[in-house]
Amino acid sequence: MSRKAFFPLLAAVLFLMPMGSVLAASSKPITVSVPASVIRTALERLLPLELTPIKQLSGRLWVKSVRGLKIGENQASFLTAVYGKHIGLNMGSLIVDIGTVDLSFHSRVKLRYDRAAHILYIKPHVTQKNVKADSQAVRGDLAQLLSIFNEVEYPVSMKSLRPLVAETSSGKILVHWNVTNITTRKGMLQVELMPRFDKRKPSGKKRKSQ
């Protein structure tokens, strides 16, 4: 998942929290548990999603659908459908022209969060169970294409989360977030957050009393 995709998903998670609970826990981390059904709905709204450029790949790739999402201990699995145009594989001195691709495959991703660097690492493993092609040669090219994604950790920075804004009679309260941990357990994504508050007085000039 790209950073562009993960941030709207996490933003949707944050807006699920009552503001009163956030304000009451100003010095303690908040753990937000999000069921798989909510994540599925958020993902559906993001799709189709264009994948970020990959060094060994030319052309453009989109994720069309994500189905059968299952969440376990620090990992998730799902069926992915991908569509691509003008796809080529850079294999060193050889460039393999694949062209248009339209395929589906099972994926399993592992999550690892680096608290010190505020980076979520996502490591996918793609199986070739549902890859179909008209010839053995094309099938081999598609297998090579899928292998690009395997067992590589993709970093997603968690430093640029937008603050929540609460309106009060005395002004605005901006809630800034420090993500201290991201984990999963059976059927659930868990995000641990430490809030920091920034109070701002209302803008505008005071009227002089007559």
Protein backbone atom coordinates (compact mmCIF):
# COMPACT_ATOMS: atom_id res chain seq x y z
CA MET A 1 0.00 0.00 0.00
CA SER A 2 1.28 3.46 -0.85
CA ARG A 3 1.55 6.36 1.55
CA LYS A 4 -1.17 8.13 -0.45
CA ALA A 5 -3.52 5.22 0.21
CA PHE A 6 -2.64 4.62 3.85
CA PHE A 7 -3.14 8.21 5.06
CA PRO A 8 -6.83 8.51 4.04
CA LEU A 9 -7.44 5.12 5.63
CA LEU A 10 -5.82 6.21 8.91
CA ALA A 11 -7.62 9.55 8.78
CA ALA A 12 -10.93 7.68 8.58
CA VAL A 13 -9.85 5.73 11.68
CA LEU A 14 -9.11 8.92 13.62
CA PHE A 15 -12.49 10.45 12.87
CA LEU A 16 -14.17 7.40 14.41
CA MET A 17 -12.97 8.53 17.85
CA PRO A 18 -15.16 10.76 20.07
CA MET A 19 -13.43 14.08 20.69
CA GLY A 20 -14.29 13.87 24.41
CA SER A 21 -12.24 10.68 24.74
CA VAL A 22 -9.31 12.32 22.99
CA LEU A 23 -9.33 15.40 25.24
CA ALA A 24 -9.62 13.26 28.37
CA ALA A 25 -6.48 11.28 27.50
CA SER A 26 -4.09 14.16 26.89
CA SER A 27 -1.14 12.47 28.62
CA LYS A 28 -1.86 8.84 27.77
CA PRO A 29 -1.68 6.94 24.48
CA ILE A 30 -4.97 6.08 22.81
CA THR A 31 -5.47 2.67 21.18
CA VAL A 32 -7.96 2.60 18.33
CA SER A 33 -9.22 -0.83 17.22
CA VAL A 34 -10.72 -0.95 13.73
CA PRO A 35 -12.52 -4.10 12.50
CA ALA A 36 -11.77 -5.59 9.09
CA SER A 37 -15.21 -4.58 7.80
CA VAL A 38 -14.41 -0.88 8.30
CA ILE A 39 -11.04 -1.29 6.54
CA ARG A 40 -12.73 -3.04 3.62
CA THR A 41 -15.16 -0.13 3.22
CA ALA A 42 -12.33 2.41 3.35
CA LEU A 43 -10.31 0.47 0.76
CA GLU A 44 -13.29 0.27 -1.60
CA ARG A 45 -13.52 4.07 -1.58
CA LEU A 46 -9.83 4.40 -2.50
CA LEU A 47 -9.98 2.04 -5.49
CA PRO A 48 -8.95 1.99 -8.27
CA LEU A 49 -5.54 2.96 -6.90
CA GLU A 50 -2.47 3.54 -9.04
CA LEU A 51 0.66 1.96 -7.60
CA THR A 52 3.74 4.07 -7.03
CA PRO A 53 6.55 3.66 -9.61
CA ILE A 54 8.72 0.56 -9.21
CA LYS A 55 12.36 0.58 -10.27
CA GLN A 56 12.27 -2.64 -12.31
CA LEU A 57 8.94 -1.83 -13.95
CA SER A 58 7.85 0.53 -16.72
CA GLY A 59 4.26 1.47 -17.51
CA ARG A 60 1.33 2.06 -15.16
CA LEU A 61 -0.36 -0.34 -12.73
CA TRP A 62 -3.65 0.03 -10.88
CA VAL A 63 -5.21 -2.05 -8.09
CA LYS A 64 -8.80 -2.64 -9.25
CA SER A 65 -10.16 -4.54 -6.27
CA VAL A 66 -9.26 -6.09 -2.93
CA ARG A 67 -11.50 -8.96 -1.81
CA GLY A 68 -11.61 -11.51 0.98
CA LEU A 69 -9.61 -9.43 3.46
CA LYS A 70 -8.55 -11.48 6.49
CA ILE A 71 -6.51 -9.95 9.33
CA GLY A 72 -4.31 -12.00 11.65
CA GLU A 73 -1.39 -11.39 14.01
CA ASN A 74 0.65 -8.60 12.34
CA GLN A 75 -0.37 -9.79 8.90
CA ALA A 76 -3.27 -9.69 6.47
CA SER A 77 -4.28 -11.67 3.40
CA PHE A 78 -6.56 -10.85 0.47
CA LEU A 79 -7.27 -11.42 -3.23
CA THR A 80 -6.06 -8.57 -5.43
CA ALA A 81 -7.03 -7.69 -9.00
CA VAL A 82 -4.51 -5.60 -10.93
CA TYR A 83 -4.69 -3.89 -14.32
CA GLY A 84 -1.74 -2.42 -16.21
CA LYS A 85 -0.85 -0.68 -19.47
CA HIS A 86 2.43 -0.56 -21.41
CA ILE A 87 4.07 -2.85 -18.86
CA GLY A 88 7.71 -3.72 -19.32
CA LEU A 89 10.21 -5.55 -17.11
CA ASN A 90 13.74 -4.22 -16.73
CA MET A 91 15.92 -7.31 -16.22
CA GLY A 92 19.31 -5.67 -16.36
CA SER A 93 20.54 -5.80 -19.95
CA LEU A 94 17.17 -7.18 -21.12
CA ILE A 95 13.81 -5.38 -21.22
CA VAL A 96 10.79 -7.68 -21.53
CA ASP A 97 7.72 -6.06 -23.09
CA ILE A 98 4.58 -7.51 -21.51
CA GLY A 99 2.04 -4.90 -22.68
CA THR A 100 -1.41 -4.93 -21.08
CA VAL A 101 -1.99 -7.06 -17.98
CA ASP A 102 -5.24 -7.94 -16.24
CA LEU A 103 -4.74 -10.51 -13.50
CA SER A 104 -5.68 -11.48 -9.97
CA PHE A 105 -3.58 -13.13 -7.27
CA HIS A 106 -3.54 -13.91 -3.58
CA SER A 107 -1.43 -11.63 -1.41
CA ARG A 108 -0.22 -11.82 2.16
CA VAL A 109 1.37 -8.78 3.82
CA LYS A 110 3.32 -8.54 7.07
CA LEU A 111 3.45 -5.34 9.10
CA ARG A 112 6.32 -3.98 11.19
CA TYR A 113 6.31 -0.58 12.88
CA ASP A 114 9.52 1.29 13.72
CA ARG A 115 8.55 3.52 16.67
CA ALA A 116 11.79 5.52 16.69
CA ALA A 117 11.62 6.40 12.98
CA HIS A 118 7.78 6.57 12.82
CA ILE A 119 7.77 4.29 9.77
CA LEU A 120 5.38 1.44 9.00
CA TYR A 121 7.03 -1.31 6.93
CA ILE A 122 4.77 -3.39 4.70
CA LYS A 123 6.21 -6.63 3.29
CA PRO A 124 4.03 -8.38 0.67
CA HIS A 125 4.21 -11.97 -0.49
CA VAL A 126 2.39 -12.72 -3.73
CA THR A 127 1.34 -16.20 -4.77
CA GLN A 128 0.74 -17.06 -8.43
CA LYS A 129 -2.29 -19.23 -7.86
CA ASN A 130 -4.72 -17.19 -9.99
CA VAL A 131 -2.35 -16.00 -12.73
CA LYS A 132 -3.65 -16.99 -16.16
CA ALA A 133 -2.11 -16.46 -19.60
CA ASP A 134 -2.54 -17.64 -23.19
CA SER A 135 0.95 -19.10 -23.40
CA GLN A 136 3.63 -20.52 -21.15
CA ALA A 137 6.00 -17.70 -22.16
CA VAL A 138 3.58 -14.97 -21.13
CA ARG A 139 2.81 -16.86 -17.94
CA GLY A 140 6.51 -16.84 -17.13
CA ASP A 141 6.70 -13.08 -17.75
CA LEU A 142 3.75 -12.50 -15.41
CA ALA A 143 5.36 -14.70 -12.77
CA GLN A 144 8.49 -12.55 -13.07
CA LEU A 145 6.32 -9.44 -12.74
CA LEU A 146 4.75 -10.69 -9.51
CA SER A 147 8.11 -11.67 -8.05
CA ILE A 148 9.10 -7.96 -8.02
CA PHE A 149 6.70 -7.36 -5.13
CA ASN A 150 7.74 -10.36 -3.04
CA GLU A 151 9.51 -10.11 0.31
CA VAL A 152 10.44 -6.44 -0.05
CA GLU A 153 9.66 -4.04 2.80
CA TYR A 154 7.92 -0.88 1.61
CA PRO A 155 8.20 2.05 4.06
CA VAL A 156 5.26 4.35 4.86
CA SER A 157 6.13 7.42 6.94
CA MET A 158 3.71 8.25 9.77
CA LYS A 159 5.09 11.73 10.48
CA SER A 160 2.67 13.82 8.41
CA LEU A 161 -0.76 13.08 9.85
CA ARG A 162 -3.21 15.96 9.62
CA PRO A 163 -4.45 17.23 13.01
CA LEU A 164 -8.05 17.01 14.13
CA VAL A 165 -9.71 20.37 14.81
CA ALA A 166 -12.18 20.90 17.66
CA GLU A 167 -14.19 24.13 17.91
CA THR A 168 -14.80 25.50 21.43
CA SER A 169 -16.21 28.76 22.80
CA SER A 170 -12.69 29.93 23.64
CA GLY A 171 -11.19 29.06 20.22
CA LYS A 172 -9.89 26.05 18.33
CA ILE A 173 -8.06 23.02 19.68
CA LEU A 174 -5.77 21.25 17.22
CA VAL A 175 -5.02 17.63 18.10
CA HIS A 176 -1.68 16.53 16.63
CA TRP A 177 -0.88 12.82 16.49
CA ASN A 178 2.21 10.80 17.23
CA VAL A 179 1.73 7.21 16.08
CA THR A 180 3.48 5.09 18.68
CA ASN A 181 2.52 1.65 17.35
CA ILE A 182 0.58 -0.15 14.60
CA THR A 183 -0.32 -3.81 14.97
CA THR A 184 -2.99 -6.26 13.90
CA ARG A 185 -4.70 -9.13 15.63
CA LYS A 186 -7.45 -11.47 14.47
CA GLY A 187 -9.98 -9.41 12.53
CA MET A 188 -8.66 -6.08 13.81
CA LEU A 189 -6.21 -3.26 13.05
CA GLN A 190 -4.87 -1.49 16.15
CA VAL A 191 -3.31 1.98 16.05
CA GLU A 192 -1.72 3.45 19.19
CA LEU A 193 -1.64 7.25 19.23
CA MET A 194 -0.23 9.88 21.55
CA PRO A 195 -2.11 13.19 21.18
CA ARG A 196 -0.58 16.65 21.51
CA PHE A 197 -2.83 19.69 21.88
CA ASP A 198 -2.45 23.15 20.40
CA LYS A 199 -4.97 25.73 21.65
CA ARG A 200 -5.69 28.74 19.45
CA LYS A 201 -7.71 31.80 20.41
CA PRO A 202 -10.42 33.10 18.06
CA SER A 203 -9.11 35.49 15.42
CA GLY A 204 -10.59 38.99 14.97
CA LYS A 205 -10.34 42.37 16.63
CA LYS A 206 -12.16 43.15 19.86
CA ARG A 207 -14.75 45.89 19.75
CA LYS A 208 -14.08 48.95 21.85
CA SER A 209 -16.63 49.55 24.58
CA GLN A 210 -18.55 52.81 24.25
